[in-house]
Amino acid sequence: MPSSFPSTRRVIPHEEYFPTPRGPLLPTGWLAVLAHDLRELARFAPVIANLVHQDLRVRYQRSVLGFFWTLLNPILMMTTMTLVFANLLGRDGDWRNYAIYLFAGQVPWGLLAGSLSDCALSIIANEALIRKIYVPKLVFPISRVLFHVVNFALSLTALFLLLVPLGARPSWSLLMLPICVALLAAFSLGLGILIAVLNTFYRDLGHLVGVTLQAWYFMTPILYEASRFRTSPWFLALNPAYPFIRPFQVILRDGQWPDPCVVGVSAVLAISSLGIGYAVYKGLEHKLVFRL
């Protein structure tokens, strides 16, 4: 028998459970969102520092040499690759010149490749933390890139220890190194954010990153010089890693200032990478937690 009293139950609209997606932001809206995210990252700076410190500590935990492995690894790798490839790919059999060239390209490539590999799983690996407390998800790819920047700085220290014995001489062009490192880190961070977000939705991308990095490594003039290929102008123009690797080779091996055009291209690529990565992240941020 139907009740004669009206129902007091309030029908809760669907929007109160799941807010409607935001529409496209105007330029002023993007600036406001960016400013808000930068303030949030500044507030969580101790969390980022703690994540980097924890990763460094865990990586060398219970090892006798500890952080000295960061110095020994690039030295041992450079020695092995020099002995194998110097006569095949070196310049007129000058193994010392080739060793500096190889190391000058290998160290920045390690920063790029390591950052992209770790960023691919940075959000997925921290699923438990994301579900428990509020943490800006940008914290995780940023911490991975900073971790590899620290490793890069230590590896560069090992390189400087070998420059003089190998015949290199310091020059004023070394003042450009911090700018080159900053541009490479920004480029790596932008791509890392993009990969971290997309890999949360499409898990196959994480496997594809490793294969792509291997092919990308051999397409980049690190083991060999670009002048060995007749098709190098257009071949290098399609390689976004070249404008970031080449300045290190020119500064450390040749002792010269890098080409301003190459540095300019790397700056444009770094800014574009950050912009695209951040735009994709903001567009999918509200869906990430449901995909973990």
Protein backbone atom coordinates (compact mmCIF):
# COMPACT_ATOMS: atom_id res chain seq x y z
CA MET A 1 0.00 0.00 0.00
CA PRO A 2 1.62 3.29 -1.04
CA SER A 3 2.37 5.76 1.71
CA SER A 4 0.43 9.01 1.79
CA PHE A 5 3.41 10.89 3.18
CA PRO A 6 5.82 12.46 0.74
CA SER A 7 9.30 10.98 0.65
CA THR A 8 11.92 12.91 2.60
CA ARG A 9 14.85 11.17 0.89
CA ARG A 10 16.90 13.65 -1.13
CA VAL A 11 18.04 12.46 -4.50
CA ILE A 12 21.74 13.26 -4.71
CA PRO A 13 22.77 14.16 -8.23
CA HIS A 14 25.60 12.27 -9.85
CA GLU A 15 27.77 15.38 -9.96
CA GLU A 16 28.16 15.45 -6.17
CA TYR A 17 29.93 12.10 -6.26
CA PHE A 18 32.09 12.72 -9.32
CA PRO A 19 32.65 16.33 -10.29
CA THR A 20 32.30 17.15 -13.93
CA PRO A 21 35.57 17.49 -15.85
CA ARG A 22 36.96 20.95 -16.23
CA GLY A 23 36.57 22.63 -19.57
CA PRO A 24 39.52 24.00 -21.54
CA LEU A 25 41.43 26.61 -19.60
CA LEU A 26 41.96 30.09 -20.95
CA PRO A 27 45.54 31.44 -20.97
CA THR A 28 44.96 33.28 -17.72
CA GLY A 29 43.50 30.08 -16.28
CA TRP A 30 46.57 28.09 -17.29
CA LEU A 31 48.83 30.63 -15.61
CA ALA A 32 46.78 30.44 -12.42
CA VAL A 33 46.86 26.63 -12.44
CA LEU A 34 50.61 26.62 -13.09
CA ALA A 35 51.22 29.07 -10.25
CA HIS A 36 49.13 26.91 -7.93
CA ASP A 37 51.04 23.75 -8.88
CA LEU A 38 54.37 25.50 -8.38
CA ARG A 39 53.30 26.56 -4.89
CA GLU A 40 52.23 23.00 -4.15
CA LEU A 41 55.58 21.62 -5.35
CA ALA A 42 57.41 24.18 -3.21
CA ARG A 43 55.35 23.07 -0.21
CA PHE A 44 56.23 19.43 -0.92
CA ALA A 45 59.92 20.15 -1.59
CA PRO A 46 60.98 18.24 1.57
CA VAL A 47 59.08 15.20 0.27
CA ILE A 48 60.96 15.38 -3.05
CA ALA A 49 64.29 15.72 -1.24
CA ASN A 50 63.45 12.77 1.00
CA LEU A 51 62.52 10.59 -1.99
CA VAL A 52 65.81 11.39 -3.74
CA HIS A 53 67.80 10.74 -0.55
CA GLN A 54 65.96 7.47 0.03
CA ASP A 55 66.61 6.28 -3.53
CA LEU A 56 70.31 7.08 -3.22
CA ARG A 57 70.56 5.30 0.12
CA VAL A 58 68.68 2.20 -1.02
CA ARG A 59 70.65 1.91 -4.24
CA TYR A 60 73.99 1.57 -2.45
CA GLN A 61 72.76 -0.03 0.77
CA ARG A 62 74.99 -2.82 2.13
CA SER A 63 77.69 -2.19 -0.49
CA VAL A 64 81.27 -1.75 0.65
CA LEU A 65 82.13 1.13 -1.66
CA GLY A 66 78.72 2.84 -1.43
CA PHE A 67 78.56 6.06 -3.44
CA PHE A 68 81.99 5.39 -4.94
CA TRP A 69 80.22 3.03 -7.34
CA THR A 70 78.75 6.13 -8.95
CA LEU A 71 82.32 7.14 -9.83
CA LEU A 72 83.55 3.67 -10.72
CA ASN A 73 80.64 2.64 -12.97
CA PRO A 74 81.21 5.29 -15.68
CA ILE A 75 84.98 4.80 -15.52
CA LEU A 76 84.73 1.03 -15.97
CA MET A 77 82.12 1.41 -18.70
CA MET A 78 84.21 3.98 -20.55
CA THR A 79 87.34 1.84 -20.30
CA THR A 80 85.57 -1.22 -21.69
CA MET A 81 83.89 0.63 -24.54
CA THR A 82 87.10 2.47 -25.42
CA LEU A 83 89.04 -0.80 -25.70
CA VAL A 84 86.31 -2.30 -27.90
CA PHE A 85 85.39 0.61 -30.17
CA ALA A 86 88.42 2.92 -30.29
CA ASN A 87 90.01 1.26 -33.32
CA LEU A 88 86.70 0.82 -35.12
CA LEU A 89 84.99 4.13 -34.50
CA GLY A 90 87.71 6.43 -33.19
CA ARG A 91 89.38 9.31 -34.98
CA ASP A 92 92.62 8.17 -36.68
CA GLY A 93 93.29 5.60 -33.96
CA ASP A 94 93.59 8.28 -31.24
CA TRP A 95 92.10 6.28 -28.36
CA ARG A 96 92.53 9.09 -25.82
CA ASN A 97 90.56 11.51 -27.94
CA TYR A 98 87.91 8.88 -28.51
CA ALA A 99 87.71 8.08 -24.77
CA ILE A 100 86.91 11.71 -23.92
CA TYR A 101 84.38 11.91 -26.76
CA LEU A 102 82.71 8.68 -25.66
CA PHE A 103 82.49 9.68 -22.00
CA ALA A 104 81.27 13.17 -22.86
CA GLY A 105 78.29 11.65 -24.65
CA GLN A 106 77.74 8.63 -22.43
CA VAL A 107 77.27 10.58 -19.18
CA PRO A 108 74.48 12.94 -20.38
CA TRP A 109 72.81 10.06 -22.18
CA GLY A 110 72.71 8.19 -18.87
CA LEU A 111 70.79 11.12 -17.37
CA LEU A 112 68.24 11.12 -20.21
CA ALA A 113 67.75 7.36 -20.50
CA GLY A 114 67.71 6.72 -16.75
CA SER A 115 65.17 9.48 -16.16
CA LEU A 116 62.77 8.23 -18.83
CA SER A 117 63.04 4.60 -17.69
CA ASP A 118 62.34 5.46 -14.05
CA CYS A 119 59.62 8.03 -14.78
CA ALA A 120 57.64 5.43 -16.73
CA LEU A 121 56.88 3.60 -13.47
CA SER A 122 57.12 6.51 -11.04
CA ILE A 123 53.37 7.01 -10.56
CA ILE A 124 52.40 3.33 -10.74
CA ALA A 125 55.06 2.31 -8.22
CA ASN A 126 53.70 4.80 -5.67
CA GLU A 127 50.07 3.69 -5.94
CA ALA A 128 49.81 2.86 -2.22
CA LEU A 129 51.07 6.29 -1.17
CA ILE A 130 48.82 8.12 -3.64
CA ARG A 131 45.75 6.29 -2.33
CA LYS A 132 46.54 6.98 1.33
CA ILE A 133 47.46 10.66 1.46
CA TYR A 134 47.40 13.68 -0.79
CA VAL A 135 50.65 14.14 -2.67
CA PRO A 136 50.96 16.04 -5.97
CA LYS A 137 51.66 13.34 -8.51
CA LEU A 138 54.27 15.50 -10.17
CA VAL A 139 56.43 14.86 -7.12
CA PHE A 140 57.30 11.36 -8.31
CA PRO A 141 58.67 12.02 -11.83
CA ILE A 142 60.47 15.10 -10.49
CA SER A 143 62.18 13.05 -7.78
CA ARG A 144 63.31 10.46 -10.35
CA VAL A 145 64.84 13.09 -12.62
CA LEU A 146 66.60 14.77 -9.68
CA PHE A 147 67.97 11.40 -8.62
CA HIS A 148 69.62 10.98 -12.00
CA VAL A 149 70.85 14.59 -11.96
CA VAL A 150 72.72 13.75 -8.74
CA ASN A 151 74.16 10.63 -10.36
CA PHE A 152 75.12 12.73 -13.38
CA ALA A 153 76.99 15.20 -11.17
CA LEU A 154 78.94 12.38 -9.53
CA SER A 155 79.71 10.77 -12.89
CA LEU A 156 80.87 14.14 -14.21
CA THR A 157 83.25 14.31 -11.26
CA ALA A 158 84.77 11.03 -12.43
CA LEU A 159 85.09 12.49 -15.92
CA PHE A 160 86.96 15.54 -14.66
CA LEU A 161 89.38 13.25 -12.81
CA LEU A 162 90.25 11.62 -16.15
CA LEU A 163 90.32 14.67 -18.41
CA VAL A 164 93.86 15.79 -17.62
CA PRO A 165 95.47 12.29 -17.79
CA LEU A 166 93.78 11.80 -21.16
CA GLY A 167 95.19 15.04 -22.53
CA ALA A 168 92.25 17.42 -22.19
CA ARG A 169 92.69 20.94 -20.87
CA PRO A 170 90.16 23.07 -18.97
CA SER A 171 88.68 26.03 -20.84
CA TRP A 172 86.22 28.84 -20.24
CA SER A 173 83.62 26.89 -22.18
CA LEU A 174 83.09 24.79 -19.04
CA LEU A 175 80.93 27.67 -17.80
CA MET A 176 78.26 26.48 -20.22
CA LEU A 177 77.94 23.09 -18.55
CA PRO A 178 75.33 24.13 -15.91
CA ILE A 179 73.12 25.56 -18.66
CA CYS A 180 73.46 22.39 -20.74
CA VAL A 181 72.64 20.22 -17.70
CA ALA A 182 69.58 22.35 -16.87
CA LEU A 183 68.26 22.09 -20.44
CA LEU A 184 68.82 18.33 -20.53
CA ALA A 185 67.10 17.88 -17.14
CA ALA A 186 64.12 19.99 -18.27
CA PHE A 187 63.79 17.98 -21.49
CA SER A 188 64.01 14.72 -19.54
CA LEU A 189 61.43 15.91 -17.02
CA GLY A 190 58.93 16.93 -19.70
CA LEU A 191 59.20 13.60 -21.50
CA GLY A 192 59.23 11.78 -18.16
CA ILE A 193 55.95 13.37 -17.05
CA LEU A 194 54.35 12.52 -20.39
CA ILE A 195 55.50 8.89 -20.23
CA ALA A 196 54.53 8.53 -16.54
CA VAL A 197 50.97 9.72 -17.21
CA LEU A 198 50.41 7.74 -20.42
CA ASN A 199 51.91 4.58 -18.92
CA THR A 200 49.29 4.75 -16.17
CA PHE A 201 46.60 4.36 -18.83
CA TYR A 202 48.47 2.17 -21.33
CA ARG A 203 50.82 -0.20 -19.50
CA ASP A 204 52.42 -1.44 -22.71
CA LEU A 205 54.15 1.91 -23.01
CA GLY A 206 56.48 1.01 -20.15
CA HIS A 207 57.82 -1.95 -22.12
CA LEU A 208 58.07 0.12 -25.29
CA VAL A 209 60.23 2.74 -23.55
CA GLY A 210 63.11 0.32 -23.02
CA VAL A 211 63.14 -0.81 -26.65
CA THR A 212 62.87 2.77 -27.91
CA LEU A 213 65.77 3.92 -25.73
CA GLN A 214 68.02 1.18 -27.10
CA ALA A 215 67.27 2.17 -30.69
CA TRP A 216 67.55 5.87 -29.81
CA TYR A 217 70.99 5.30 -28.25
CA PHE A 218 72.45 3.82 -31.44
CA MET A 219 70.84 6.55 -33.55
CA THR A 220 72.57 9.23 -31.46
CA PRO A 221 76.25 10.04 -32.19
CA ILE A 222 77.74 8.76 -28.93
CA LEU A 223 79.73 5.70 -29.97
CA TYR A 224 80.56 7.29 -33.33
CA GLU A 225 80.93 10.79 -34.74
CA ALA A 226 78.20 12.27 -36.90
CA SER A 227 80.68 13.04 -39.68
CA ARG A 228 80.94 9.33 -40.47
CA PHE A 229 77.49 9.35 -42.05
CA ARG A 230 76.72 11.00 -45.39
CA THR A 231 73.08 11.46 -44.36
CA SER A 232 73.98 13.07 -41.03
CA PRO A 233 72.35 16.53 -41.58
CA TRP A 234 68.78 15.27 -41.98
CA PHE A 235 69.45 12.24 -39.79
CA LEU A 236 70.49 14.45 -36.86
CA ALA A 237 67.72 16.96 -37.49
CA LEU A 238 65.19 14.22 -36.66
CA ASN A 239 66.99 13.19 -33.47
CA PRO A 240 65.86 15.32 -30.49
CA ALA A 241 68.66 13.98 -28.28
CA TYR A 242 71.44 15.33 -30.50
CA PRO A 243 71.12 19.05 -29.53
CA PHE A 244 71.50 18.02 -25.88
CA ILE A 245 74.40 15.58 -26.28
CA ARG A 246 76.48 17.56 -28.79
CA PRO A 247 77.27 20.56 -26.51
CA PHE A 248 78.84 18.22 -23.92
CA GLN A 249 81.08 16.70 -26.58
CA VAL A 250 82.16 20.09 -27.89
CA ILE A 251 82.86 21.51 -24.43
CA LEU A 252 84.61 18.51 -22.88
CA ARG A 253 86.43 17.01 -25.88
CA ASP A 254 87.14 20.04 -28.06
CA GLY A 255 87.33 22.70 -25.33
CA GLN A 256 85.18 25.05 -27.44
CA TRP A 257 81.94 26.95 -26.97
CA PRO A 258 78.93 25.05 -28.32
CA ASP A 259 77.12 26.30 -31.37
CA PRO A 260 74.49 28.88 -30.24
CA CYS A 261 72.03 27.44 -32.77
CA VAL A 262 72.34 23.97 -31.23
CA VAL A 263 71.86 25.39 -27.73
CA GLY A 264 68.87 27.39 -28.97
CA VAL A 265 67.28 24.29 -30.46
CA SER A 266 67.80 22.41 -27.20
CA ALA A 267 66.15 25.27 -25.28
CA VAL A 268 63.12 25.18 -27.59
CA LEU A 269 62.88 21.39 -27.24
CA ALA A 270 63.18 21.58 -23.46
CA ILE A 271 60.43 24.20 -23.14
CA SER A 272 58.19 22.32 -25.58
CA SER A 273 58.75 19.06 -23.73
CA LEU A 274 57.83 20.63 -20.39
CA GLY A 275 54.77 22.32 -21.88
CA ILE A 276 53.43 19.19 -23.57
CA GLY A 277 54.12 16.98 -20.57
CA TYR A 278 52.44 19.39 -18.17
CA ALA A 279 49.41 19.92 -20.45
CA VAL A 280 48.83 16.16 -20.79
CA TYR A 281 49.25 15.73 -17.03
CA LYS A 282 46.67 18.41 -16.21
CA GLY A 283 44.25 17.05 -18.76
CA LEU A 284 44.34 13.54 -17.25
CA GLU A 285 45.18 14.31 -13.61
CA HIS A 286 41.63 13.74 -12.34
CA LYS A 287 41.53 10.27 -13.94
CA LEU A 288 44.91 8.96 -12.76
CA VAL A 289 43.77 7.61 -9.40
CA PHE A 290 41.06 5.50 -11.10
CA ARG A 291 43.66 3.90 -13.39
CA LEU A 292 46.07 2.81 -10.67
